[in-house]
Amino acid sequence: MPAKSKAQQMAAGAALAAKRGEKKESELKGASKSMVRPMSEKELHKMASTKRKGKAEHASKS
């Protein structure tokens, strides 16, 4: 599933780095920390590679 906002895309990128071992999981905070374990590397990659153009800074809560 593609990211709905820039913040979501960036969190997925951080979680992907941790999943690949490029970053320590203990360094993650917030949404990225909660994405690491339940999502597969493929899902994280798809979310992190979403184009940012036209995306809201943060996803709406509705």
Protein backbone atom coordinates (compact mmCIF):
# COMPACT_ATOMS: atom_id res chain seq x y z
CA MET A 1 0.00 0.00 0.00
CA PRO A 2 1.43 3.39 -0.90
CA ALA A 3 2.02 6.03 1.77
CA LYS A 4 -0.71 8.63 2.23
CA SER A 5 1.59 11.36 3.53
CA LYS A 6 5.21 12.48 3.63
CA ALA A 7 5.43 11.58 7.31
CA GLN A 8 4.17 8.05 6.66
CA GLN A 9 6.64 7.62 3.79
CA MET A 10 9.55 8.76 5.94
CA ALA A 11 8.51 6.48 8.83
CA ALA A 12 8.36 3.52 6.44
CA GLY A 13 11.85 4.36 5.18
CA ALA A 14 13.25 4.38 8.72
CA ALA A 15 11.49 1.09 9.51
CA LEU A 16 12.87 -0.44 6.32
CA ALA A 17 16.41 0.58 7.26
CA ALA A 18 15.98 -1.12 10.63
CA LYS A 19 14.50 -4.25 9.02
CA ARG A 20 17.56 -4.47 6.74
CA GLY A 21 19.96 -3.95 9.66
CA GLU A 22 21.18 -0.56 8.46
CA LYS A 23 19.80 1.12 11.57
CA LYS A 24 19.20 -0.18 15.10
CA GLU A 25 15.58 -0.89 15.95
CA SER A 26 16.14 0.76 19.34
CA GLU A 27 16.86 4.08 17.55
CA LEU A 28 13.36 4.22 16.05
CA LYS A 29 10.54 6.26 17.52
CA GLY A 30 6.80 6.59 16.96
CA ALA A 31 5.23 5.17 13.84
CA SER A 32 8.44 3.73 12.42
CA LYS A 33 8.96 1.67 15.57
CA SER A 34 5.47 0.18 15.30
CA MET A 35 5.94 -0.66 11.59
CA VAL A 36 9.11 -2.76 11.83
CA ARG A 37 7.80 -6.09 13.10
CA PRO A 38 4.29 -6.44 11.64
CA MET A 39 5.19 -5.34 8.10
CA SER A 40 7.30 -7.28 5.63
CA GLU A 41 10.33 -5.77 3.91
CA LYS A 42 8.37 -5.77 0.64
CA GLU A 43 5.46 -3.82 2.20
CA LEU A 44 7.82 -1.31 3.79
CA HIS A 45 9.68 -0.85 0.52
CA LYS A 46 6.44 -0.20 -1.36
CA MET A 47 5.37 2.38 1.23
CA ALA A 48 8.78 4.06 1.45
CA SER A 49 9.19 4.33 -2.32
CA THR A 50 5.95 6.30 -2.77
CA LYS A 51 6.43 9.59 -4.60
CA ARG A 52 6.17 12.60 -2.29
CA LYS A 53 4.87 15.06 -4.84
CA GLY A 54 1.32 16.08 -4.04
CA LYS A 55 1.27 14.33 -0.65
CA ALA A 56 0.11 16.04 2.51
CA GLU A 57 2.69 16.58 5.24
CA HIS A 58 0.62 14.40 7.60
CA ALA A 59 -2.28 12.06 6.88
CA SER A 60 -5.71 13.31 7.89
CA LYS A 61 -7.31 11.59 10.87
CA SER A 62 -10.69 11.08 9.25
